[in-house]
Amino acid sequence: MRYLVFTNTPAHVHLYRNAVERLEARGHSVLVLARDYGCTVELLEWYDLSYEVYGRCDTTKGSLVRQLPRHYARMLRLAREYDPDLIFGMGSYSAHTGLVTRTPTILILDSEPTSVDHLISQPFADAVVTPDAFRKDLGDDHFTFAGFKECAYLHPEEYTPRADVRERFGLDSDERYAIVRFNAFGSHHDVGKGGFAPDERAELVERLAEEVTVFVSDEGGEMDLSALPAREFDVHPALMHDAIRESALLVADTQTIVTEAALLGTPVVRSNSFVGEDDMGNFLELERADLVRNLADFDDVLSTAERLVADDDAKSRWRRRRREYLSTKANLTDIVVDVATSGSVSGSGALSARSIGGVTFDTSASSD
């Protein structure tokens, strides 16, 4: 079988990398079509995955719009040349490529607010797979699984931490640190949304630095750290999860890294304009599991963050909750490989359909 996998962001690389390696180990051919965005290409190189870059964009909203015609032209040409049997992705690029090349396409989605993306991608996909916390019903071809997309690489069966992350940071074995992550809000699903204001970012760093070493990851690159008691979070992106796991606290106005921290057993505070009653289902569920603090008010963020870094037992509580929580969640890599090699979404016992029946693809899939 020949599989085409889209990785438009670094998070997509992590989502599919274990499945790609497993499929190739079984003798299948896999081509990754990548967008040069953030550290996407750097991660593909680290994991030694076969890929072609179809285009690039930066973190500004206008960059993607300007590049779209070139992106589509190149990815459609590459897809035709490769001639895949099945396409995996997370949005309109993969769905539209499947439509043009007449290739069955499976989307893995996890963000409810991206209604426009759903409208222009979901109708052209043969199946849509989401976490069971997803708060929308996308119709007959919508399937769910117990867990999150991050369970493809942070499920206990998939994730093994490296032991040398502190050495790479130049930290003492008992030195406590916090990671602060700031979003650029440049993606299409971030339109009209925002996070910490510049003065709030500075105050957050200064207050946390009174208790622990602070590392700052600024996606937009707008902060001047020379005037703040903080260090740049410059670890290789492939080592980020190990660094998160070792940290005493993560505070972020981003999305994916928050879920990652929760599934790694690290206390985490999230604050952005998504927070509220209409928040995404995955963050509401993680809050119910007491693995994430979702806070809209900045004063609440400060007081909660200070309380958590001062609590010597917080880390052990999060680790215990994480173990209990993930014991009930599916390994998403297993699901992707099972669907890919069986040729049928309905044949995967880990998936639940929102409708009677399943989707079987017009591919002559073999199991190994």
Protein backbone atom coordinates (compact mmCIF):
# COMPACT_ATOMS: atom_id res chain seq x y z
CA MET A 1 0.00 0.00 0.00
CA ARG A 2 1.01 3.60 -0.64
CA TYR A 3 0.08 6.20 1.98
CA LEU A 4 0.23 9.99 1.72
CA VAL A 5 0.38 11.89 5.03
CA PHE A 6 0.05 15.66 5.41
CA THR A 7 2.04 17.45 8.14
CA ASN A 8 1.12 21.13 8.06
CA THR A 9 2.39 21.92 11.56
CA PRO A 10 4.88 20.43 14.03
CA ALA A 11 1.98 18.86 15.94
CA HIS A 12 1.02 16.89 12.82
CA VAL A 13 4.52 15.41 12.63
CA HIS A 14 4.15 14.04 16.14
CA LEU A 15 0.62 12.81 15.40
CA TYR A 16 1.69 10.62 12.47
CA ARG A 17 5.41 9.87 12.99
CA ASN A 18 4.97 6.60 14.92
CA ALA A 19 2.34 5.35 12.47
CA VAL A 20 4.61 6.19 9.52
CA GLU A 21 7.50 4.24 11.04
CA ARG A 22 5.26 1.26 11.79
CA LEU A 23 3.72 1.18 8.33
CA GLU A 24 7.14 1.36 6.69
CA ALA A 25 8.38 -1.44 8.95
CA ARG A 26 5.55 -3.57 7.56
CA GLY A 27 6.72 -2.96 4.02
CA HIS A 28 4.31 -0.19 3.03
CA SER A 29 5.36 3.01 1.25
CA VAL A 30 4.66 6.34 3.01
CA LEU A 31 5.27 9.85 1.69
CA VAL A 32 4.88 12.86 3.99
CA LEU A 33 3.82 16.12 2.35
CA ALA A 34 5.04 18.89 4.64
CA ARG A 35 4.50 22.59 5.03
CA ASP A 36 7.63 24.44 6.10
CA TYR A 37 6.05 26.07 9.14
CA GLY A 38 7.72 26.49 12.50
CA CYS A 39 9.89 23.46 13.22
CA THR A 40 7.92 21.02 11.02
CA VAL A 41 10.82 20.22 8.69
CA GLU A 42 13.28 20.09 11.58
CA LEU A 43 11.17 17.40 13.24
CA LEU A 44 10.83 15.39 10.04
CA GLU A 45 14.60 15.42 9.71
CA TRP A 46 15.06 14.38 13.36
CA TYR A 47 12.76 11.39 12.94
CA ASP A 48 14.22 10.52 9.53
CA LEU A 49 10.87 10.49 7.73
CA SER A 50 10.61 10.58 3.93
CA TYR A 51 9.01 13.91 2.99
CA GLU A 52 8.50 16.52 0.30
CA VAL A 53 7.89 20.19 1.13
CA TYR A 54 4.90 21.56 -0.77
CA GLY A 55 5.29 25.14 0.50
CA ARG A 56 6.01 27.37 3.44
CA CYS A 57 4.41 30.11 5.52
CA ASP A 58 5.29 32.09 8.62
CA THR A 59 3.21 32.79 11.73
CA THR A 60 1.28 35.77 10.32
CA LYS A 61 -2.32 35.24 9.18
CA GLY A 62 -1.74 36.81 5.77
CA SER A 63 1.21 34.57 4.96
CA LEU A 64 -0.90 31.44 4.46
CA VAL A 65 -3.45 33.23 2.25
CA ARG A 66 -0.72 34.58 -0.03
CA GLN A 67 0.89 31.17 -0.40
CA LEU A 68 -2.26 29.11 -0.99
CA PRO A 69 -2.19 28.98 -4.83
CA ARG A 70 1.43 27.78 -4.82
CA HIS A 71 0.73 25.29 -2.03
CA TYR A 72 -2.16 23.70 -3.91
CA ALA A 73 -0.32 23.56 -7.22
CA ARG A 74 2.70 21.78 -5.76
CA MET A 75 0.92 19.39 -3.42
CA LEU A 76 -1.49 18.25 -6.12
CA ARG A 77 1.38 17.64 -8.51
CA LEU A 78 3.32 15.67 -5.89
CA ALA A 79 0.24 13.66 -4.96
CA ARG A 80 -0.46 12.72 -8.59
CA GLU A 81 3.14 11.64 -9.06
CA TYR A 82 3.08 9.51 -5.92
CA ASP A 83 -0.37 8.01 -6.66
CA PRO A 84 -1.34 7.01 -3.07
CA ASP A 85 -3.94 4.43 -2.07
CA LEU A 86 -4.98 6.35 1.05
CA ILE A 87 -4.46 9.88 2.43
CA PHE A 88 -4.26 10.96 6.07
CA GLY A 89 -4.39 14.58 7.22
CA MET A 90 -6.01 17.15 9.46
CA GLY A 91 -7.74 19.62 7.17
CA SER A 92 -8.67 20.98 3.78
CA TYR A 93 -5.32 20.37 2.04
CA SER A 94 -5.57 16.62 2.49
CA ALA A 95 -9.33 16.50 1.78
CA HIS A 96 -9.02 18.51 -1.42
CA THR A 97 -6.03 16.47 -2.56
CA GLY A 98 -8.07 13.33 -2.07
CA LEU A 99 -10.94 14.84 -4.05
CA VAL A 100 -8.76 15.85 -7.03
CA THR A 101 -6.78 12.60 -7.12
CA ARG A 102 -9.84 10.46 -6.31
CA THR A 103 -8.06 8.95 -3.32
CA PRO A 104 -9.87 7.88 -0.11
CA THR A 105 -9.05 10.37 2.64
CA ILE A 106 -9.23 10.18 6.44
CA LEU A 107 -9.13 13.36 8.52
CA ILE A 108 -8.21 13.46 12.20
CA LEU A 109 -9.72 16.61 13.71
CA ASP A 110 -9.76 17.90 17.27
CA SER A 111 -10.65 21.61 17.15
CA GLU A 112 -14.36 22.45 17.21
CA PRO A 113 -14.08 26.23 16.64
CA THR A 114 -12.62 25.83 13.13
CA SER A 115 -16.07 25.75 11.54
CA VAL A 116 -14.89 27.19 8.21
CA ASP A 117 -12.24 24.50 7.90
CA HIS A 118 -14.84 21.83 8.65
CA LEU A 119 -17.13 23.21 5.96
CA ILE A 120 -14.45 23.15 3.28
CA SER A 121 -12.78 19.87 4.24
CA GLN A 122 -15.16 17.43 5.94
CA PRO A 123 -17.58 17.04 2.98
CA PHE A 124 -14.70 15.82 0.81
CA ALA A 125 -13.32 13.27 3.27
CA ASP A 126 -14.37 9.63 3.38
CA ALA A 127 -14.13 9.58 7.17
CA VAL A 128 -13.48 12.02 10.00
CA VAL A 129 -11.96 10.77 13.25
CA THR A 130 -12.11 12.89 16.41
CA PRO A 131 -11.61 12.51 20.15
CA ASP A 132 -14.77 11.47 21.96
CA ALA A 133 -14.66 14.82 23.78
CA PHE A 134 -15.34 16.57 20.45
CA ARG A 135 -18.51 18.63 20.88
CA LYS A 136 -19.81 18.54 17.30
CA ASP A 137 -21.59 15.86 15.32
CA LEU A 138 -20.07 15.84 11.84
CA GLY A 139 -22.50 13.35 10.33
CA ASP A 140 -22.59 9.74 9.23
CA ASP A 141 -18.88 9.46 8.50
CA HIS A 142 -17.77 10.80 11.88
CA PHE A 143 -15.98 8.34 14.15
CA THR A 144 -14.62 8.92 17.66
CA PHE A 145 -12.01 7.39 19.93
CA ALA A 146 -11.28 7.61 23.64
CA GLY A 147 -8.45 10.10 23.99
CA PHE A 148 -6.81 12.97 22.13
CA LYS A 149 -4.64 13.30 19.04
CA GLU A 150 -1.67 13.59 21.42
CA CYS A 151 -2.33 9.98 22.46
CA ALA A 152 -0.59 9.02 19.19
CA TYR A 153 2.75 9.92 20.76
CA LEU A 154 2.23 10.52 24.50
CA HIS A 155 0.25 7.40 25.33
CA PRO A 156 2.35 5.29 27.76
CA GLU A 157 2.75 2.65 25.04
CA GLU A 158 4.33 5.22 22.70
CA TYR A 159 6.28 7.61 24.91
CA THR A 160 9.57 6.89 26.66
CA PRO A 161 11.25 9.93 28.27
CA ARG A 162 14.91 10.72 27.74
CA ALA A 163 16.99 10.91 30.88
CA ASP A 164 19.40 13.67 29.83
CA VAL A 165 17.07 16.63 29.29
CA ARG A 166 18.39 18.47 32.37
CA GLU A 167 21.96 18.12 31.15
CA ARG A 168 20.95 19.58 27.78
CA PHE A 169 19.42 22.54 29.63
CA GLY A 170 22.43 22.98 31.88
CA LEU A 171 20.29 22.45 34.98
CA ASP A 172 21.14 20.87 38.29
CA SER A 173 19.43 17.57 39.06
CA ASP A 174 17.16 19.22 41.64
CA GLU A 175 16.69 22.62 39.99
CA ARG A 176 13.00 23.41 39.54
CA TYR A 177 11.88 25.28 36.44
CA ALA A 178 8.73 26.46 34.69
CA ILE A 179 8.01 26.81 30.98
CA VAL A 180 5.97 29.72 29.66
CA ARG A 181 4.66 29.39 26.11
CA PHE A 182 3.24 32.33 24.14
CA ASN A 183 1.23 31.91 20.95
CA ALA A 184 1.64 33.99 17.78
CA PHE A 185 -2.08 33.48 16.95
CA GLY A 186 -1.25 33.33 13.25
CA SER A 187 -3.18 30.22 12.21
CA HIS A 188 -6.51 30.33 10.40
CA HIS A 189 -8.31 28.93 13.47
CA ASP A 190 -6.89 31.76 15.60
CA VAL A 191 -8.67 34.55 13.73
CA GLY A 192 -10.30 36.88 16.26
CA LYS A 193 -8.59 35.14 19.19
CA GLY A 194 -5.80 36.24 21.50
CA GLY A 195 -3.81 35.44 24.60
CA PHE A 196 -1.60 37.30 27.06
CA ALA A 197 -0.95 41.00 26.47
CA PRO A 198 2.72 42.13 26.38
CA ASP A 199 2.63 43.59 29.90
CA GLU A 200 0.96 40.42 31.21
CA ARG A 201 3.66 38.28 29.66
CA ALA A 202 6.37 40.27 31.43
CA GLU A 203 4.58 40.21 34.78
CA LEU A 204 3.99 36.47 34.56
CA VAL A 205 7.65 35.78 33.91
CA GLU A 206 8.80 38.09 36.71
CA ARG A 207 6.45 36.57 39.28
CA LEU A 208 7.34 32.97 38.43
CA ALA A 209 11.05 33.79 38.45
CA GLU A 210 10.78 34.55 42.16
CA GLU A 211 10.26 30.82 42.77
CA VAL A 212 11.81 28.88 39.88
CA THR A 213 13.98 29.14 36.79
CA VAL A 214 11.80 30.33 33.91
CA PHE A 215 12.12 29.31 30.27
CA VAL A 216 10.17 31.29 27.69
CA SER A 217 8.98 29.92 24.34
CA ASP A 218 7.68 32.83 22.24
CA GLU A 219 6.21 31.62 18.97
CA GLY A 220 6.01 35.12 17.52
CA GLY A 221 9.53 36.07 18.62
CA GLU A 222 8.34 39.45 19.92
CA MET A 223 9.63 39.35 23.51
CA ASP A 224 12.89 40.92 24.60
CA LEU A 225 14.15 38.47 27.19
CA SER A 226 17.25 40.51 27.95
CA ALA A 227 15.20 42.69 30.30
CA LEU A 228 13.50 39.75 32.03
CA PRO A 229 14.68 37.13 34.56
CA ALA A 230 14.17 34.31 32.06
CA ARG A 231 15.97 32.08 29.59
CA GLU A 232 14.97 31.26 26.04
CA PHE A 233 13.44 27.83 25.62
CA ASP A 234 15.87 26.80 22.90
CA VAL A 235 15.89 23.02 23.32
CA HIS A 236 15.59 21.01 20.11
CA PRO A 237 11.84 20.70 19.32
CA ALA A 238 12.07 16.90 19.35
CA LEU A 239 13.08 17.12 23.03
CA MET A 240 10.26 19.45 24.03
CA HIS A 241 8.10 16.74 25.56
CA ASP A 242 10.91 15.55 27.79
CA ALA A 243 11.48 19.14 28.92
CA ILE A 244 7.77 19.60 29.64
CA ARG A 245 7.64 16.36 31.62
CA GLU A 246 10.50 17.50 33.87
CA SER A 247 9.14 21.01 34.47
CA ALA A 248 7.35 22.04 37.66
CA LEU A 249 4.74 24.04 35.73
CA LEU A 250 3.64 25.06 32.25
CA VAL A 251 1.71 28.28 31.65
CA ALA A 252 0.51 28.93 28.09
CA ASP A 253 -1.95 30.80 25.91
CA THR A 254 -1.51 28.11 23.23
CA GLN A 255 -3.44 24.86 22.74
CA THR A 256 -1.53 21.70 21.81
CA ILE A 257 1.28 22.11 24.34
CA VAL A 258 -1.31 22.37 27.12
CA THR A 259 -2.79 19.00 26.28
CA GLU A 260 0.73 17.58 26.01
CA ALA A 261 1.63 18.85 29.48
CA ALA A 262 -1.52 17.33 30.95
CA LEU A 263 -0.82 13.96 29.34
CA LEU A 264 2.76 14.10 30.62
CA GLY A 265 1.64 14.71 34.21
CA THR A 266 2.85 18.33 34.47
CA PRO A 267 0.76 21.00 36.24
CA VAL A 268 -0.53 23.35 33.56
CA VAL A 269 -2.39 26.66 33.42
CA ARG A 270 -4.01 27.74 30.14
CA SER A 271 -5.42 31.17 29.36
CA ASN A 272 -6.67 32.62 26.08
CA SER A 273 -9.89 33.88 24.56
CA PHE A 274 -11.07 30.35 23.76
CA VAL A 275 -11.56 29.72 27.51
CA GLY A 276 -15.18 29.70 28.66
CA GLU A 277 -18.41 27.73 28.31
CA ASP A 278 -17.89 27.36 24.55
CA ASP A 279 -14.33 26.09 24.95
CA MET A 280 -13.10 23.04 23.04
CA GLY A 281 -14.25 19.73 24.46
CA ASN A 282 -10.76 18.35 25.06
CA PHE A 283 -9.84 21.20 27.44
CA LEU A 284 -13.15 20.93 29.27
CA GLU A 285 -12.57 17.21 29.74
CA LEU A 286 -8.98 17.69 30.92
CA GLU A 287 -10.21 20.26 33.42
CA ARG A 288 -12.81 17.81 34.72
CA ALA A 289 -9.98 15.29 35.13
CA ASP A 290 -8.12 17.94 37.18
CA LEU A 291 -5.20 17.94 34.73
CA VAL A 292 -5.57 21.50 33.37
CA ARG A 293 -6.54 24.86 34.82
CA ASN A 294 -8.42 26.88 32.18
CA LEU A 295 -8.55 30.51 33.34
CA ALA A 296 -9.76 33.59 31.48
CA ASP A 297 -8.79 36.20 34.09
CA PHE A 298 -5.09 37.13 34.27
CA ASP A 299 -5.14 37.68 38.03
CA ASP A 300 -6.44 34.13 38.42
CA VAL A 301 -3.62 32.92 36.19
CA LEU A 302 -1.01 34.62 38.37
CA SER A 303 -2.38 33.40 41.67
CA THR A 304 -2.88 29.83 40.41
CA ALA A 305 0.57 29.65 38.82
CA GLU A 306 2.26 30.98 41.96
CA ARG A 307 0.36 28.54 44.14
CA LEU A 308 1.30 25.56 41.96
CA VAL A 309 5.02 26.33 41.76
CA ALA A 310 5.10 26.76 45.54
CA ASP A 311 3.36 23.39 46.07
CA ASP A 312 5.98 20.64 46.38
CA ASP A 313 3.30 17.94 46.02
CA ALA A 314 1.61 19.30 42.89
CA LYS A 315 3.82 17.33 40.51
CA SER A 316 3.17 13.99 42.19
CA ARG A 317 -0.60 14.63 42.17
CA TRP A 318 -0.55 15.39 38.44
CA ARG A 319 1.54 12.30 37.73
CA ARG A 320 -0.93 10.10 39.61
CA ARG A 321 -3.93 11.63 37.82
CA ARG A 322 -2.16 11.24 34.50
CA ARG A 323 -1.58 7.50 35.07
CA GLU A 324 -5.21 6.95 36.04
CA TYR A 325 -6.54 9.03 33.17
CA LEU A 326 -4.46 7.46 30.39
CA SER A 327 -5.30 3.95 31.58
CA THR A 328 -8.74 4.53 30.02
CA LYS A 329 -7.52 6.08 26.74
CA ALA A 330 -6.74 4.51 23.37
CA ASN A 331 -3.38 4.53 21.63
CA LEU A 332 -4.16 6.60 18.52
CA THR A 333 -1.15 5.25 16.61
CA ASP A 334 -2.66 1.76 16.92
CA ILE A 335 -5.90 3.11 15.47
CA VAL A 336 -4.21 4.85 12.52
CA VAL A 337 -2.20 1.74 11.63
CA ASP A 338 -5.23 -0.51 12.05
CA VAL A 339 -7.39 1.67 9.77
CA ALA A 340 -4.59 2.02 7.21
CA THR A 341 -3.88 -1.70 6.94
CA SER A 342 -7.46 -2.96 7.19
CA GLY A 343 -8.83 -0.49 4.63
CA SER A 344 -11.89 0.02 6.82
CA VAL A 345 -12.68 2.53 9.54
CA SER A 346 -15.53 0.35 10.76
CA GLY A 347 -13.07 -2.50 11.23
CA SER A 348 -11.22 -0.70 14.03
CA GLY A 349 -12.60 -1.81 17.37
CA ALA A 350 -11.20 1.30 19.09
CA LEU A 351 -13.47 3.60 17.07
CA SER A 352 -17.12 4.39 17.72
CA ALA A 353 -19.42 5.61 14.96
CA ARG A 354 -21.94 8.40 15.42
CA SER A 355 -24.16 6.57 12.96
CA ILE A 356 -25.21 3.05 12.02
CA GLY A 357 -22.68 1.35 9.81
CA GLY A 358 -19.16 2.28 8.78
CA VAL A 359 -17.05 3.50 5.92
CA THR A 360 -15.21 0.97 3.78
CA PHE A 361 -12.71 2.28 1.27
CA ASP A 362 -12.24 1.18 -2.31
CA THR A 363 -8.70 -0.06 -1.63
CA SER A 364 -7.35 -3.58 -1.73
CA ALA A 365 -5.79 -3.31 1.70
CA SER A 366 -3.81 -6.15 3.14
CA SER A 367 -3.09 -6.57 6.83
CA ASP A 368 0.71 -6.79 6.64
